[in-house]
Protein backbone atom coordinates (compact mmCIF):
# COMPACT_ATOMS: atom_id res chain seq x y z
CA MET A 1 -15.90 -3.71 41.85
CA GLY A 2 -13.63 -4.62 38.87
CA PHE A 3 -14.88 -3.66 35.25
CA PHE A 4 -16.26 -7.32 34.24
CA SER A 5 -17.93 -7.83 37.67
CA LYS A 6 -19.60 -4.62 37.40
CA TRP A 7 -20.32 -5.46 33.40
CA ASN A 8 -22.03 -8.89 34.73
CA LYS A 9 -23.96 -7.41 37.51
CA ARG A 10 -25.43 -4.85 35.37
CA LYS A 11 -25.84 -7.27 32.56
CA ASN A 12 -28.01 -9.29 34.67
CA ASP A 13 -29.92 -6.87 36.36
CA LEU A 14 -31.09 -5.88 33.15
CA LEU A 15 -31.98 -9.15 32.05
CA GLU A 16 -34.21 -9.52 34.45
CA VAL A 17 -35.83 -6.27 33.98
CA SER A 18 -36.04 -7.04 30.22
CA GLN A 19 -38.43 -10.03 31.01
CA GLU A 20 -40.75 -8.11 33.08
CA THR A 21 -41.00 -5.55 30.46
CA ASN A 22 -40.15 -7.07 27.27
CA ASP A 23 -38.61 -3.84 26.18
CA ILE A 24 -35.28 -5.61 25.70
CA ASP A 25 -33.74 -3.27 22.73
CA ASN A 26 -34.39 -0.23 25.02
CA ILE A 27 -33.11 -2.16 27.62
CA PHE A 28 -29.73 -2.86 26.39
CA ASP A 29 -29.37 0.63 24.48
CA ASP A 30 -29.27 1.73 28.27
CA PHE A 31 -26.80 -0.99 29.39
CA PHE A 32 -24.18 0.12 26.46
CA ASP A 33 -24.92 3.67 27.43
CA ASP A 34 -23.74 2.99 30.65
CA PHE A 35 -20.39 1.50 29.73
CA PHE A 36 -19.39 2.91 26.30
CA ILE A 37 -20.68 6.60 26.04
CA ILE A 38 -18.55 9.32 27.36
CA TYR A 39 -20.34 12.52 28.24
CA ASN A 40 -17.84 14.44 29.90
CA GLU A 41 -13.79 15.01 30.52
CA GLU A 42 -13.71 12.64 33.76
CA GLU A 43 -15.18 9.75 31.85
CA PHE A 44 -12.94 10.35 28.95
CA TYR A 45 -9.60 10.62 31.29
CA ARG A 46 -11.03 7.35 32.86
CA TYR A 47 -10.93 5.63 29.41
CA ILE A 48 -7.66 7.16 28.77
CA LYS A 49 -5.80 5.93 31.95
CA ASN A 50 -7.36 2.15 31.22
CA TYR A 51 -5.81 2.10 27.69
CA ASN A 52 -2.58 3.79 28.73
CA ASP A 53 -2.50 1.25 31.82
CA LYS A 54 -3.10 -1.84 29.61
CA GLY A 55 -0.88 -0.69 26.60
CA ILE A 56 -4.17 -0.50 24.13
CA THR A 57 -3.20 1.19 21.09
CA ASN A 58 -5.10 1.63 17.66
CA ILE A 59 -8.60 1.36 19.35
CA SER A 60 -11.11 3.87 19.25
CA ILE A 61 -12.16 6.27 22.13
CA LEU A 62 -13.77 9.12 20.41
CA CYS A 63 -16.43 7.11 18.64
CA TYR A 64 -17.98 6.65 22.30
CA VAL A 65 -17.89 10.71 22.71
CA THR A 66 -21.01 12.04 22.28
CA LYS A 67 -21.15 15.05 19.97
CA ASP A 68 -23.07 17.39 22.57
CA SER A 69 -20.29 16.53 24.94
CA GLY A 70 -18.32 19.42 23.38
CA LEU A 71 -15.10 16.86 23.75
CA LEU A 72 -14.66 16.92 20.23
CA ASP A 73 -14.14 20.10 19.80
CA LYS A 74 -11.50 20.59 22.76
CA LYS A 75 -7.84 20.02 21.21
CA GLU A 76 -5.81 18.88 24.31
CA ILE A 77 -8.95 15.82 24.38
CA VAL A 78 -8.51 15.19 20.76
CA LEU A 79 -4.63 15.15 20.99
CA GLU A 80 -4.89 12.50 23.91
CA ALA A 81 -7.41 10.24 21.84
CA LEU A 82 -5.22 10.42 18.62
CA ARG A 83 -1.77 9.28 20.36
CA ILE A 84 -3.69 6.16 21.09
CA CYS A 85 -5.66 5.81 17.80
CA GLY A 86 -5.31 8.38 14.79
CA MET A 87 -8.09 6.78 13.22
CA ASP A 88 -9.77 8.84 15.55
CA LEU A 89 -9.32 11.88 13.31
CA LYS A 90 -12.53 10.74 11.90
CA TYR A 91 -14.38 11.75 15.09
CA VAL A 92 -13.13 15.13 15.63
CA SER A 93 -14.70 18.57 14.59
CA ASP A 94 -14.35 19.89 11.19
CA SER A 95 -12.59 22.77 12.79
CA LEU A 96 -9.54 20.70 14.36
CA LYS A 97 -9.43 18.26 11.12
CA SER A 98 -7.34 21.23 9.33
CA ASP A 99 -5.02 21.92 12.66
CA PRO A 100 -1.51 20.98 11.89
CA GLU A 101 -0.77 19.51 15.15
CA ILE A 102 -3.81 17.35 14.97
CA ILE A 103 -2.95 15.80 11.60
CA LYS A 104 0.57 15.36 12.51
CA THR A 105 -0.21 13.64 15.71
CA ALA A 106 -2.87 11.42 14.12
CA PHE A 107 -0.56 10.75 11.10
CA GLU A 108 2.24 9.65 13.60
CA SER A 109 -0.13 7.14 15.25
CA ASN A 110 -1.67 5.86 12.01
CA PRO A 111 -0.53 7.30 8.47
CA ASN A 112 -3.92 6.34 6.85
CA SER A 113 -5.68 8.88 9.28
CA ILE A 114 -4.50 11.30 6.86
CA GLN A 115 -7.55 10.53 4.86
CA PHE A 116 -9.88 12.28 7.46
CA ALA A 117 -8.04 15.78 7.26
CA LYS A 118 -8.73 18.73 5.89
CA GLY A 119 -6.86 21.22 3.99
CA VAL A 120 -3.67 19.17 3.48
CA THR A 121 -0.96 21.26 1.74
CA LEU A 122 2.15 20.32 0.16
CA GLU A 123 4.19 21.96 3.09
CA LEU A 124 2.12 20.13 5.57
CA ALA A 125 2.81 17.04 3.73
CA MET A 126 6.56 17.66 3.83
CA ASN A 127 6.61 18.26 7.09
CA ILE A 128 4.68 15.16 8.54
CA CYS A 129 6.65 12.78 6.46
CA ASP A 130 9.95 11.56 7.22
CA ASN A 131 10.30 8.62 4.64
CA VAL A 132 8.87 8.44 0.98
CA GLN A 133 6.64 5.59 1.95
CA LYS A 134 4.44 8.06 4.25
CA LEU A 135 4.45 10.58 1.33
CA ILE A 136 2.91 7.98 -1.00
CA VAL A 137 0.28 7.53 1.48
CA VAL A 138 -0.58 11.08 1.56
CA VAL A 139 -0.80 11.42 -2.42
CA SER A 140 -3.06 8.41 -2.58
CA TYR A 141 -5.48 10.51 -0.47
CA PHE A 142 -4.46 13.95 -2.10
CA PRO A 143 -3.58 13.99 -5.81
CA HIS A 144 -2.92 17.53 -5.62
CA ILE A 145 0.17 17.19 -3.50
CA MET A 146 1.82 15.08 -6.30
CA GLU A 147 0.59 17.83 -8.82
CA GLU A 148 2.49 20.23 -6.44
CA LEU A 149 5.29 18.15 -6.33
CA GLN A 150 5.83 18.26 -10.30
CA LYS A 151 5.84 21.95 -10.28
CA ASN A 152 9.29 22.12 -9.12
CA GLU A 153 12.11 20.42 -10.94
CA GLU A 154 14.19 19.90 -7.44
CA ASN A 155 11.67 17.55 -6.62
CA ARG A 156 12.64 15.20 -9.40
CA ASP A 157 14.80 12.72 -6.90
CA LEU A 158 12.28 12.43 -4.66
CA LEU A 159 9.56 11.76 -7.21
CA LEU A 160 11.96 8.85 -8.64
CA ASN A 161 12.41 7.42 -5.10
CA MET A 162 8.73 7.44 -4.88
CA LEU A 163 8.28 5.79 -7.88
CA ARG A 164 10.79 3.20 -6.81
CA GLU A 165 8.68 2.36 -4.02
CA ASN A 166 5.31 2.31 -6.00
CA PRO A 167 5.98 1.98 -9.90
CA SER A 168 1.98 2.66 -10.14
CA LEU A 169 2.84 6.33 -9.46
CA ILE A 170 3.49 6.79 -12.81
CA SER A 171 0.11 7.08 -14.02
CA SER A 172 0.08 10.15 -11.81
CA LEU A 173 3.36 11.80 -13.04
CA PRO A 174 2.23 13.45 -16.61
CA LYS A 175 5.28 15.76 -16.48
CA TYR A 176 7.74 12.71 -16.27
CA GLN A 177 6.14 10.37 -18.48
CA ASN A 178 8.63 11.39 -21.35
CA ASP A 179 11.50 10.79 -19.03
CA LEU A 180 13.41 7.72 -20.04
CA GLU A 181 14.60 6.87 -16.36
CA PHE A 182 11.36 7.35 -14.97
CA ILE A 183 9.62 4.92 -17.65
CA LYS A 184 12.45 2.44 -17.00
CA VAL A 185 11.94 2.28 -13.11
CA ALA A 186 7.93 1.81 -13.95
CA THR A 187 8.89 -0.63 -16.45
CA ASP A 188 11.62 -2.76 -14.72
CA SER A 189 8.65 -3.50 -12.40
CA SER A 190 6.29 -4.37 -15.10
CA PRO A 191 6.19 -4.12 -18.72
CA MET A 192 2.46 -3.08 -18.39
CA TYR A 193 3.46 0.59 -17.27
CA ILE A 194 4.69 1.13 -20.94
CA ARG A 195 1.06 2.11 -21.57
CA PHE A 196 1.93 5.48 -19.54
CA ALA A 197 5.22 6.29 -21.93
CA GLY A 198 4.85 9.69 -23.27
CA LYS A 199 5.18 10.49 -26.91
CA ASN A 200 8.97 11.28 -26.92
CA ILE A 201 9.77 7.61 -25.43
CA SER A 202 11.05 5.76 -28.69
CA ASP A 203 8.81 3.18 -30.57
CA GLU A 204 11.63 0.98 -30.06
CA MET A 205 11.62 1.06 -26.40
CA ILE A 206 7.79 0.40 -26.41
CA ILE A 207 8.17 -2.44 -28.70
CA ASN A 208 10.80 -3.93 -26.59
CA GLU A 209 8.77 -3.55 -23.23
CA LEU A 210 5.53 -4.84 -25.07
CA LYS A 211 7.80 -8.08 -26.13
CA LYS A 212 8.78 -8.68 -22.67
CA TYR A 213 4.77 -8.32 -21.89
CA TYR A 214 3.98 -10.38 -24.45
CA LYS A 215 6.18 -13.30 -23.26
CA VAL A 216 4.56 -13.19 -19.70
CA VAL A 217 1.27 -13.10 -20.99
CA LEU A 218 1.61 -16.24 -23.16
CA GLU A 219 3.23 -17.90 -20.50
CA LYS A 220 0.19 -17.22 -18.08
CA MET A 221 -1.89 -18.37 -20.99
CA LYS A 222 -0.03 -21.59 -21.16
CA GLU A 223 -0.12 -22.20 -17.67
CA TYR A 224 -3.74 -21.75 -17.52
CA ALA A 225 -4.41 -23.77 -20.67
CA ASN A 226 -2.73 -26.78 -18.63
CA ASN A 227 -4.97 -26.59 -15.92
CA ASN A 228 -8.50 -25.62 -18.44
CA LYS A 229 -7.89 -27.80 -21.31
CA ASP A 230 -11.15 -28.09 -21.81
CA ASN A 231 -12.00 -24.67 -22.03
CA VAL A 232 -10.24 -23.10 -24.63
CA LEU A 233 -12.77 -19.87 -24.74
CA GLU A 234 -12.45 -19.44 -20.98
CA ILE A 235 -8.60 -18.75 -21.63
CA TRP A 236 -9.15 -16.72 -24.30
CA ASN A 237 -11.55 -14.56 -22.35
CA LYS A 238 -9.03 -14.17 -19.58
CA TYR A 239 -6.48 -13.01 -21.48
CA HIS A 240 -7.61 -11.42 -24.86
CA ASP A 241 -7.76 -7.75 -23.22
CA ASN A 242 -4.17 -7.78 -22.27
CA LEU A 243 -3.28 -8.77 -25.71
CA LEU A 244 -5.76 -6.28 -27.16
CA PHE A 245 -3.98 -3.42 -25.07
CA LEU A 246 -0.50 -4.92 -26.30
CA LEU A 247 -1.67 -4.24 -29.88
CA GLU A 248 -2.96 -0.74 -29.52
CA MET A 249 0.45 0.25 -27.79
CA VAL A 250 2.38 -0.17 -30.74
CA ASN A 251 2.20 2.87 -32.81
CA ASP A 252 4.02 1.99 -36.04
CA ILE A 253 1.52 -0.37 -37.95
CA LYS A 254 4.40 -2.42 -39.76
CA GLU A 255 5.88 -3.21 -36.05
CA ARG A 256 2.22 -4.16 -35.20
CA TYR A 257 2.25 -6.73 -38.09
CA ILE A 258 5.55 -8.07 -36.84
CA ILE A 259 4.30 -8.69 -33.56
CA ILE A 260 1.35 -10.33 -34.48
CA ASN A 261 3.35 -12.79 -36.50
CA LYS A 262 5.39 -13.73 -33.72
CA LEU A 263 2.35 -14.96 -31.70
């Protein structure tokens, strides 16, 4: 009897029983237990075979494994599951969540699984990441990796490449916020990132970036105004925070005065 035939037969049998007992909640708990709860290795490998035969990926298996089965502590079992669904790292025992091979297998299946790992070090991060995009995923969950990278000047080019991929990382790079090349990379993406410029970045550059951003904001205000002509207050409320931010960024009061008068 095939899976779905068995499913329907079992479902119909239980429906008949539930009508007699009026205990439908417990009846269907038993139903789902029969089909989805994994108690032992035999059941687990049956699921693995089914997933592999049908080419199923990114669908959890370990969420069906009971904790008292002991399967979540068995490395070979966990590795099999993680090759299919990296996010299953969420369910494995804490002792295995810090195992480098376990973490790497899960990460290769789904980089976002790294959020469930424990004890992630810079060395491990560099070993499992073969491109900057993956490293960016790691540092998004483990900020201390970014801090470690900044301690070694040899990582400067790597950090710059990461910034090119994700300019918002400038907020996590205090060591390089006085580095003109880093600030230019960030502000080329959006003048708004000038807010992270260090004290050694010239006021002239800051002001030039602010002027660019003013133009962007004012254009957006004009566009918004054309679609909301009857509500000037709403237009102001939508954009005044952006304008105030820009003014606060200008260090020189005279330059601030000049910019205000250009609005």
